[in-house]
C-alpha cells in the first residue's frame, strides 16, 4: 500500500469505523478524527477549524471522509477547501438510498468517491469524479463456519420491522414451511454478533431481503426509491459461515455472486416458496452452492483482503487524474433546505445544552440561502427536533423505569 499517512474523518466511533471497514487494529498508517464530538463540544464552525488544523498538522497523503445520508452539517465548500490540503476521498454507504439527495452533491468536492452502490459509481464518474465500487466488506473473524447440526429449515436474522419482510415470512408459514426469525421485532429477539455465525450454520436456508429502508425525512421526496433494490452485506455474512443464502433479487447480485452456483435468489412470494421447497428437497445441491459461495466470499469480500484492494483502486484513481478540479458547489433548493433543517436541529441541541455562544454562531447560517429556504428548512427542522426530543424522552423514561 502506497499510502503511509491516512486520516479518516468519520461521524462514528473509531473502533466501529475500523472494524466495519476492515482496517487492521492499531494500524500506524491510519488515524481517526470523529466530527460529531467536535460539533457537540465546540459548534460547527469551530469543528471545521479544528478539522482543517488537524489536516494541516498531520499532512496526510489521503483523507478518507465518511458522511451518512443525513450529514449536512458542513457546507460542501468546506470539503473543497480541505481537498486543497490533501487528496480527499468520500466513503459513502447506503448510496442506493441517498445518492440522489446527498452523495452526488457532496461528491462534487472529492478526488474520488467509494460507494456501496454498484451502479452509483457511474453517477460520480459522469461528474468527473472517479467512482469506486465498495463490495460487501465482512470480517471472517466475526463470521465463520460453526460445526452444528442444521436444525432450522428456514431462517431470517435481521430487522423484521422493515419493509415487507414479515409478509414473506408469514407467507412461508401459511404454506407449511418452518421458519425461525431473529432480530428486531421477532420472537427470537436480538442476537449478539458472537452468536450470528452459529444461527446461520443451524439453518438449511438463510433468507436475505434487498428492498431499501423506508423513506425518511432526507429522501421522502424521492418515491422512485421504492423501486430500488439494495446491495446488502448479509449474503456475504452467510456465505462466510459456509451456509446457504437465498436472497431477494437485486440488480448488483450477478456482479457479486454467480447466481444458482454460489447463491440462490427469489423475485416474489411464489418464487420464494418454490425455491425454498426445491432447496429443502435437494440437500446436495444446496450444500454445493453454499460451498462455492463460501470460497467466493473468502476470496473477494473478506475484509482484511478487501481493504488493500480498495486503497489500490483509490491510488490508481488519484494517479490517473488529468488534473484536479476545484469546482463551485452546485446545490438545488432541496439540498439547501435539508442543510437548514440540520443546522436548526443543532441550534436547538445547543440551546438545550446551554451553549448560547454555539447557538448564536449557528443562527445567521440559517439564512445563508435566503428567507424562503430558511422558512421551509426551519419548519421541517422544528418538526424533526420535536420528534427527536420525544424519542429521547421515551428512551429516558424506559431507562428510569
Protein backbone atom coordinates (compact mmCIF):
# COMPACT_ATOMS: atom_id res chain seq x y z
CA UNK A 1 0.00 0.00 0.00
CA UNK A 2 1.45 3.33 -1.08
CA UNK A 3 -0.49 5.41 1.49
CA UNK A 4 1.54 5.79 4.66
CA UNK A 5 -0.40 8.53 6.40
CA UNK A 6 -4.20 8.26 6.16
CA UNK A 7 -6.58 10.42 8.16
CA UNK A 8 -10.14 9.08 8.44
CA UNK A 9 -12.76 11.72 9.27
CA UNK A 10 -15.89 9.95 10.42
CA UNK A 11 -19.18 10.57 12.26
CA UNK A 12 -18.96 7.39 14.34
CA UNK A 13 -16.57 5.85 16.86
CA UNK A 14 -13.06 4.93 15.77
CA UNK A 15 -13.41 1.28 16.69
CA UNK A 16 -16.70 0.90 14.84
CA UNK A 17 -15.24 2.60 11.78
CA UNK A 18 -12.09 0.49 11.83
CA UNK A 19 -13.81 -2.86 12.28
CA UNK A 20 -16.64 -2.23 9.81
CA UNK A 21 -14.25 -1.20 7.06
CA UNK A 22 -11.63 -3.87 7.64
CA UNK A 23 -8.73 -1.70 8.76
CA UNK A 24 -6.28 -3.58 10.97
CA UNK A 25 -6.31 -2.74 14.64
CA UNK A 26 -3.59 -0.30 15.66
CA UNK A 27 -2.51 0.16 12.03
CA UNK A 28 0.04 3.02 12.22
CA UNK A 29 -0.82 4.10 8.67
CA UNK A 30 -4.28 5.37 9.65
CA UNK A 31 -5.52 7.76 12.32
CA UNK A 32 -9.06 8.84 13.09
CA UNK A 33 -10.97 12.01 13.83
CA UNK A 34 -14.66 11.95 14.80
CA UNK A 35 -16.52 15.11 13.89
CA UNK A 36 -19.72 14.69 15.96
CA UNK A 37 -17.96 15.10 19.34
CA UNK A 38 -16.25 18.22 17.98
CA UNK A 39 -19.57 19.68 16.87
CA UNK A 40 -21.26 18.92 20.21
CA UNK A 41 -18.40 20.39 22.18
CA UNK A 42 -17.41 23.38 20.07
CA UNK A 43 -20.09 24.05 17.47
CA UNK A 44 -19.98 23.60 13.71
CA UNK A 45 -17.72 26.49 12.75
CA UNK A 46 -15.08 25.68 15.36
CA UNK A 47 -15.29 21.99 14.44
CA UNK A 48 -14.45 22.96 10.86
CA UNK A 49 -11.45 24.96 12.04
CA UNK A 50 -10.20 22.11 14.24
CA UNK A 51 -10.56 19.58 11.43
CA UNK A 52 -8.72 21.85 8.98
CA UNK A 53 -6.00 22.39 11.57
CA UNK A 54 -5.66 18.64 12.14
CA UNK A 55 -5.29 18.07 8.40
CA UNK A 56 -2.70 20.85 8.11
CA UNK A 57 -0.72 19.50 11.08
CA UNK A 58 -0.85 15.83 10.11
CA UNK A 59 -0.23 16.39 6.39
CA UNK A 60 -1.91 13.11 5.36
CA UNK A 61 -1.35 11.63 1.93
CA UNK A 62 -5.02 10.61 1.92
CA UNK A 63 -8.18 11.94 3.58
CA UNK A 64 -10.96 9.34 3.92
CA UNK A 65 -14.20 11.11 4.80
CA UNK A 66 -17.37 9.23 5.70
CA UNK A 67 -20.67 11.09 5.68
CA UNK A 68 -24.02 9.45 6.32
CA UNK A 69 -27.11 10.33 4.31
CA UNK A 70 -28.33 12.90 6.86
CA UNK A 71 -24.95 14.60 7.40
CA UNK A 72 -25.43 18.14 6.08
CA UNK A 73 -23.66 19.82 9.00
CA UNK A 74 -20.70 21.02 6.95
CA UNK A 75 -21.04 23.03 3.74
CA UNK A 76 -19.76 21.40 0.55
CA UNK A 77 -17.25 24.24 0.14
CA UNK A 78 -15.60 23.15 3.40
CA UNK A 79 -14.58 19.86 1.80
CA UNK A 80 -13.42 21.62 -1.36
CA UNK A 81 -11.08 23.66 0.88
CA UNK A 82 -9.90 20.54 2.73
CA UNK A 83 -9.11 18.96 -0.62
CA UNK A 84 -6.55 21.67 -1.24
CA UNK A 85 -4.63 20.35 1.79
CA UNK A 86 -4.72 16.63 0.90
CA UNK A 87 -6.36 14.24 -1.60
CA UNK A 88 -9.92 13.70 -0.37
CA UNK A 89 -11.97 10.56 -0.95
CA UNK A 90 -15.51 10.08 0.34
CA UNK A 91 -16.71 6.72 1.65
CA UNK A 92 -20.48 6.68 1.10
CA UNK A 93 -22.73 3.91 2.44
CA UNK A 94 -26.37 3.25 1.53
CA UNK A 95 -25.98 5.28 -1.64
CA UNK A 96 -28.92 3.34 -3.05
CA UNK A 97 -30.96 5.41 -0.57
CA UNK A 98 -29.09 8.70 -0.55
CA UNK A 99 -27.05 9.21 -3.73
CA UNK A 100 -29.68 11.41 -5.39
CA UNK A 101 -30.30 13.60 -2.35
CA UNK A 102 -26.88 13.68 -0.70
CA UNK A 103 -23.98 11.77 -2.23
CA UNK A 104 -23.84 13.35 -5.67
CA UNK A 105 -23.84 16.86 -4.18
CA UNK A 106 -21.10 16.28 -1.61
CA UNK A 107 -19.27 14.11 -4.13
CA UNK A 108 -18.52 17.28 -6.11
CA UNK A 109 -15.86 18.11 -3.53
CA UNK A 110 -13.91 14.84 -3.79
CA UNK A 111 -10.97 13.48 -5.74
CA UNK A 112 -12.83 10.15 -5.80
CA UNK A 113 -15.87 8.52 -4.19
CA UNK A 114 -16.03 4.98 -2.83
CA UNK A 115 -19.63 3.76 -2.81
CA UNK A 116 -21.51 0.59 -1.88
CA UNK A 117 -23.87 1.22 -4.81
CA UNK A 118 -22.57 -0.82 -7.75
CA UNK A 119 -24.34 1.37 -10.32
CA UNK A 120 -23.74 4.57 -8.35
CA UNK A 121 -20.11 4.61 -9.48
CA UNK A 122 -21.31 5.82 -12.88
CA UNK A 123 -23.22 8.73 -11.33
CA UNK A 124 -19.98 10.07 -9.84
CA UNK A 125 -17.85 9.28 -12.86
CA UNK A 126 -20.09 11.28 -15.20
CA UNK A 127 -19.41 14.34 -12.99
CA UNK A 128 -15.68 13.83 -13.49
CA UNK A 129 -15.22 12.27 -10.05
CA UNK A 130 -13.93 8.68 -10.19
CA UNK A 131 -16.46 6.28 -8.68
CA UNK A 132 -15.09 3.15 -6.98
CA UNK A 133 -17.34 0.24 -6.06
CA UNK A 134 -17.03 -0.95 -2.46
CA UNK A 135 -18.33 -4.52 -2.32
CA UNK A 136 -19.59 -6.06 0.92
CA UNK A 137 -16.65 -5.98 3.31
CA UNK A 138 -17.08 -8.58 6.05
CA UNK A 139 -14.57 -9.94 8.55
CA UNK A 140 -14.03 -13.70 8.70
CA UNK A 141 -13.10 -13.19 12.35
CA UNK A 142 -16.77 -12.35 13.00
CA UNK A 143 -18.42 -14.75 10.52
CA UNK A 144 -17.05 -18.26 10.12
CA UNK A 145 -18.23 -21.89 9.82
CA UNK A 146 -19.55 -23.45 13.04
CA UNK A 147 -19.88 -27.23 13.39
CA UNK A 148 -23.56 -27.63 14.34
CA UNK A 149 -26.40 -29.76 13.05
CA UNK A 150 -28.81 -27.81 10.79
CA UNK A 151 -31.97 -27.96 12.90
CA UNK A 152 -33.69 -24.92 11.30
CA UNK A 153 -35.34 -25.29 7.88
CA UNK A 154 -35.59 -21.59 7.00
CA UNK A 155 -34.14 -18.68 8.96
CA UNK A 156 -34.18 -14.91 8.74
CA UNK A 157 -31.87 -12.95 11.02
CA UNK A 158 -32.28 -9.19 10.80
CA UNK A 159 -34.66 -6.30 11.38
CA UNK A 160 -38.11 -7.84 10.99
CA UNK A 161 -39.87 -4.47 11.16
CA UNK A 162 -38.50 -3.21 7.84
CA UNK A 163 -40.38 -3.14 4.55
CA UNK A 164 -42.47 -6.25 3.77
CA UNK A 165 -40.15 -8.85 5.29
CA UNK A 166 -42.76 -10.30 7.62
CA UNK A 167 -45.22 -10.61 4.73
CA UNK A 168 -42.79 -13.02 3.09
CA UNK A 169 -42.14 -14.88 6.33
CA UNK A 170 -45.86 -15.22 7.06
CA UNK A 171 -46.48 -16.40 3.50
CA UNK A 172 -44.00 -19.23 4.01
CA UNK A 173 -45.53 -20.12 7.37
CA UNK A 174 -49.03 -20.18 5.89
CA UNK A 175 -47.79 -22.68 3.31
CA UNK A 176 -46.42 -25.09 5.87
CA UNK A 177 -42.75 -24.03 5.83
CA UNK A 178 -41.00 -23.99 9.19
CA UNK A 179 -39.37 -20.59 9.62
CA UNK A 180 -37.47 -19.16 12.57
CA UNK A 181 -36.75 -15.44 12.80
CA UNK A 182 -34.32 -13.47 14.93
CA UNK A 183 -33.63 -9.77 15.40
CA UNK A 184 -35.65 -6.62 15.99
CA UNK A 185 -39.39 -7.27 16.03
CA UNK A 186 -39.04 -11.05 16.11
CA UNK A 187 -39.93 -13.77 18.58
CA UNK A 188 -36.27 -14.85 18.65
CA UNK A 189 -35.24 -11.34 19.67
CA UNK A 190 -31.87 -9.68 19.47
CA UNK A 191 -28.93 -11.92 18.63
CA UNK A 192 -25.46 -10.87 19.74
CA UNK A 193 -22.88 -10.72 16.94
CA UNK A 194 -20.94 -13.54 18.61
CA UNK A 195 -23.90 -15.90 18.03
CA UNK A 196 -24.78 -14.99 14.46
CA UNK A 197 -22.44 -17.50 12.80
CA UNK A 198 -23.97 -20.31 14.82
CA UNK A 199 -27.51 -19.27 13.85
CA UNK A 200 -26.59 -19.11 10.16
CA UNK A 201 -24.99 -22.56 10.34
CA UNK A 202 -28.02 -24.06 12.07
CA UNK A 203 -30.22 -23.06 9.13
CA UNK A 204 -30.59 -25.06 5.95
CA UNK A 205 -31.75 -21.90 4.17
CA UNK A 206 -30.94 -18.33 5.24
CA UNK A 207 -33.04 -15.54 3.76
CA UNK A 208 -31.92 -12.08 2.68
CA UNK A 209 -34.17 -9.20 1.60
CA UNK A 210 -33.00 -6.40 -0.67
CA UNK A 211 -35.59 -3.61 -0.56
CA UNK A 212 -34.18 -0.32 0.68
CA UNK A 213 -35.07 1.13 4.06
CA UNK A 214 -38.27 3.09 4.49
CA UNK A 215 -38.03 6.67 3.24
CA UNK A 216 -37.00 9.22 5.86
CA UNK A 217 -37.10 13.00 6.13
CA UNK A 218 -33.99 13.05 3.93
CA UNK A 219 -35.35 11.18 0.89
CA UNK A 220 -39.13 11.24 1.29
CA UNK A 221 -39.46 13.37 -1.86
CA UNK A 222 -37.91 10.56 -3.95
CA UNK A 223 -40.74 7.99 -4.23
CA UNK A 224 -38.92 6.14 -7.04
CA UNK A 225 -36.57 4.80 -4.37
CA UNK A 226 -39.32 2.32 -3.52
CA UNK A 227 -38.35 0.53 -6.74
CA UNK A 228 -34.68 0.32 -5.77
CA UNK A 229 -33.14 -2.92 -4.50
CA UNK A 230 -30.05 -2.62 -2.35
CA UNK A 231 -26.75 -4.46 -2.22
CA UNK A 232 -26.66 -5.86 1.34
CA UNK A 233 -23.86 -7.36 3.43
CA UNK A 234 -25.93 -10.26 4.78
CA UNK A 235 -25.34 -12.63 1.81
CA UNK A 236 -21.60 -12.33 2.41
CA UNK A 237 -22.01 -12.85 6.16
CA UNK A 238 -23.98 -16.03 5.45
CA UNK A 239 -21.54 -17.21 2.78
CA UNK A 240 -18.52 -16.76 5.08
CA UNK A 241 -20.10 -19.21 7.51
CA UNK A 242 -20.36 -21.81 4.74
CA UNK A 243 -24.15 -21.61 4.87
CA UNK A 244 -26.70 -21.36 2.07
CA UNK A 245 -28.24 -17.97 1.22
CA UNK A 246 -31.50 -17.44 -0.65
CA UNK A 247 -31.75 -13.73 -1.42
CA UNK A 248 -34.37 -11.45 -2.85
CA UNK A 249 -33.04 -10.40 -6.26
CA UNK A 250 -31.22 -7.09 -6.68
CA UNK A 251 -29.56 -5.73 -9.85
CA UNK A 252 -26.00 -5.89 -8.47
CA UNK A 253 -26.35 -9.57 -7.48
CA UNK A 254 -24.96 -11.06 -10.75
CA UNK A 255 -21.88 -8.85 -10.32
CA UNK A 256 -21.19 -10.24 -6.84
CA UNK A 257 -22.12 -13.93 -6.98
CA UNK A 258 -22.73 -16.46 -9.72
CA UNK A 259 -26.47 -17.00 -9.48
CA UNK A 260 -27.51 -20.61 -8.99
CA UNK A 261 -23.94 -21.72 -8.40
CA UNK A 262 -22.84 -19.54 -5.45
CA UNK A 263 -26.18 -18.20 -4.22
CA UNK A 264 -29.92 -18.70 -4.71
CA UNK A 265 -32.47 -15.98 -5.38
CA UNK A 266 -36.20 -15.27 -5.49
CA UNK A 267 -38.28 -12.47 -7.02
CA UNK A 268 -41.67 -12.68 -5.28
CA UNK A 269 -43.56 -14.76 -2.73
CA UNK A 270 -44.43 -17.55 -5.15
CA UNK A 271 -40.85 -17.95 -6.38
CA UNK A 272 -39.61 -17.83 -2.78
CA UNK A 273 -41.91 -20.68 -1.82
CA UNK A 274 -40.88 -22.71 -4.87
CA UNK A 275 -37.15 -22.14 -4.24
CA UNK A 276 -37.46 -23.00 -0.54
CA UNK A 277 -39.20 -26.27 -1.35
CA UNK A 278 -36.64 -27.07 -4.04
CA UNK A 279 -33.56 -26.45 -1.92
CA UNK A 280 -35.01 -28.24 1.13
CA UNK A 281 -35.53 -31.31 -1.04
CA UNK A 282 -32.14 -31.08 -2.81
CA UNK A 283 -29.64 -31.12 0.02
CA UNK A 284 -26.56 -31.99 -2.07
CA UNK A 285 -27.13 -29.09 -4.46
CA UNK A 286 -27.80 -26.74 -1.56
CA UNK A 287 -24.52 -27.73 0.10
CA UNK A 288 -22.59 -27.37 -3.16
CA UNK A 289 -23.93 -23.86 -3.74
CA UNK A 290 -23.08 -22.90 -0.16
CA UNK A 291 -19.55 -24.24 -0.53
CA UNK A 292 -18.95 -22.27 -3.73
CA UNK A 293 -20.41 -19.15 -2.10
CA UNK A 294 -18.04 -19.60 0.84
CA UNK A 295 -14.96 -19.66 -1.39
CA UNK A 296 -16.19 -16.65 -3.40
CA UNK A 297 -16.84 -14.62 -0.24
CA UNK A 298 -13.50 -15.57 1.31
CA UNK A 299 -11.61 -14.61 -1.84
CA UNK A 300 -13.42 -11.41 -2.85
CA UNK A 301 -15.22 -9.96 0.18
CA UNK A 302 -13.22 -10.81 3.28
CA UNK A 303 -12.39 -7.52 4.99
CA UNK A 304 -8.64 -7.87 5.54
CA UNK A 305 -8.14 -8.81 1.88
CA UNK A 306 -10.61 -6.27 0.57
CA UNK A 307 -9.32 -3.01 2.05
CA UNK A 308 -5.87 -3.17 0.38
CA UNK A 309 -7.64 -3.66 -2.97
CA UNK A 310 -9.84 -0.62 -2.37
CA UNK A 311 -6.84 1.50 -1.39
CA UNK A 312 -5.05 0.35 -4.54
CA UNK A 313 -8.03 1.43 -6.64
CA UNK A 314 -8.04 4.80 -4.87
CA UNK A 315 -4.35 5.20 -5.61
CA UNK A 316 -4.91 4.36 -9.28
CA UNK A 317 -7.78 6.86 -9.49
CA UNK A 318 -5.68 9.63 -7.95
CA UNK A 319 -2.69 8.89 -10.18
CA UNK A 320 -4.77 8.84 -13.35
CA UNK A 321 -6.44 12.22 -12.86
CA UNK A 322 -5.66 14.53 -15.80
CA UNK A 323 -5.82 17.49 -13.42
CA UNK A 324 -7.54 18.21 -10.09
CA UNK A 325 -10.68 20.31 -10.41
CA UNK A 326 -11.89 22.52 -7.55
CA UNK A 327 -15.44 23.37 -8.59
CA UNK A 328 -18.06 25.72 -7.34
CA UNK A 329 -20.51 23.64 -5.31
CA UNK A 330 -23.85 23.27 -7.07
CA UNK A 331 -26.95 22.69 -4.98
CA UNK A 332 -30.68 22.68 -5.61
CA UNK A 333 -33.15 24.14 -3.12
CA UNK A 334 -33.93 20.72 -1.63
CA UNK A 335 -30.30 20.31 -0.53
CA UNK A 336 -30.23 23.85 0.87
CA UNK A 337 -33.44 23.17 2.82
CA UNK A 338 -32.00 19.97 4.29
CA UNK A 339 -28.90 21.89 5.34
CA UNK A 340 -31.06 24.44 7.16
CA UNK A 341 -33.07 21.59 8.73
CA UNK A 342 -29.92 20.01 10.16
CA UNK A 343 -28.47 23.32 11.31
CA UNK A 344 -31.75 24.22 13.03
CA UNK A 345 -31.75 20.94 14.95
CA UNK A 346 -28.15 21.62 16.01
CA UNK A 347 -29.22 25.07 17.22
CA UNK A 348 -31.97 23.52 19.35
CA UNK A 349 -29.49 20.98 20.75
CA UNK A 350 -27.01 23.75 21.59
CA UNK A 351 -29.72 25.67 23.47
CA UNK A 352 -30.67 22.52 25.41
CA UNK A 353 -27.01 22.17 26.44
CA UNK A 354 -26.97 25.90 27.31
CA UNK A 355 -24.28 26.58 24.71
CA UNK A 356 -25.53 30.06 23.94
CA UNK A 357 -22.40 31.04 22.01
CA UNK A 358 -22.69 28.00 19.74
CA UNK A 359 -26.39 28.71 19.13
CA UNK A 360 -25.65 32.36 18.25
CA UNK A 361 -22.97 31.18 15.83
CA UNK A 362 -25.39 28.82 14.06
CA UNK A 363 -28.27 31.33 13.86
CA UNK A 364 -27.03 33.54 10.98
CA UNK A 365 -26.10 30.46 8.88
CA UNK A 366 -29.79 29.53 8.78
CA UNK A 367 -30.37 32.48 6.40
CA UNK A 368 -27.43 31.83 4.05
CA UNK A 369 -29.72 30.59 1.25
CA UNK A 370 -32.44 33.22 1.61
CA UNK A 371 -35.71 33.61 3.51
CA UNK A 372 -37.76 31.10 1.52
CA UNK A 373 -35.25 28.29 2.04
CA UNK A 374 -34.94 29.29 5.70
CA UNK A 375 -38.71 29.13 6.23
CA UNK A 376 -39.09 25.68 4.67
CA UNK A 377 -35.93 24.24 6.22
CA UNK A 378 -36.57 25.65 9.69
CA UNK A 379 -40.18 24.41 9.69
CA UNK A 380 -39.07 20.88 8.88
CA UNK A 381 -36.27 21.27 11.43
CA UNK A 382 -38.78 22.19 14.15
CA UNK A 383 -40.85 19.12 13.30
CA UNK A 384 -37.79 16.84 13.33
CA UNK A 385 -36.44 18.43 16.52
CA UNK A 386 -39.72 17.75 18.33
CA UNK A 387 -39.65 14.15 17.09
CA UNK A 388 -36.08 13.70 18.36
CA UNK A 389 -36.98 15.18 21.76
CA UNK A 390 -39.94 12.82 22.09
CA UNK A 391 -37.76 9.82 21.31
CA UNK A 392 -35.18 10.96 23.84
CA UNK A 393 -37.86 11.43 26.49
CA UNK A 394 -39.32 7.98 25.81
CA UNK A 395 -35.85 6.46 25.96
CA UNK A 396 -35.16 8.28 29.24
CA UNK A 397 -38.42 7.11 30.77
CA UNK A 398 -37.65 3.47 29.81
CA UNK A 399 -34.18 3.76 31.39
CA UNK A 400 -35.59 5.10 34.65
CA UNK A 401 -38.37 2.51 34.89
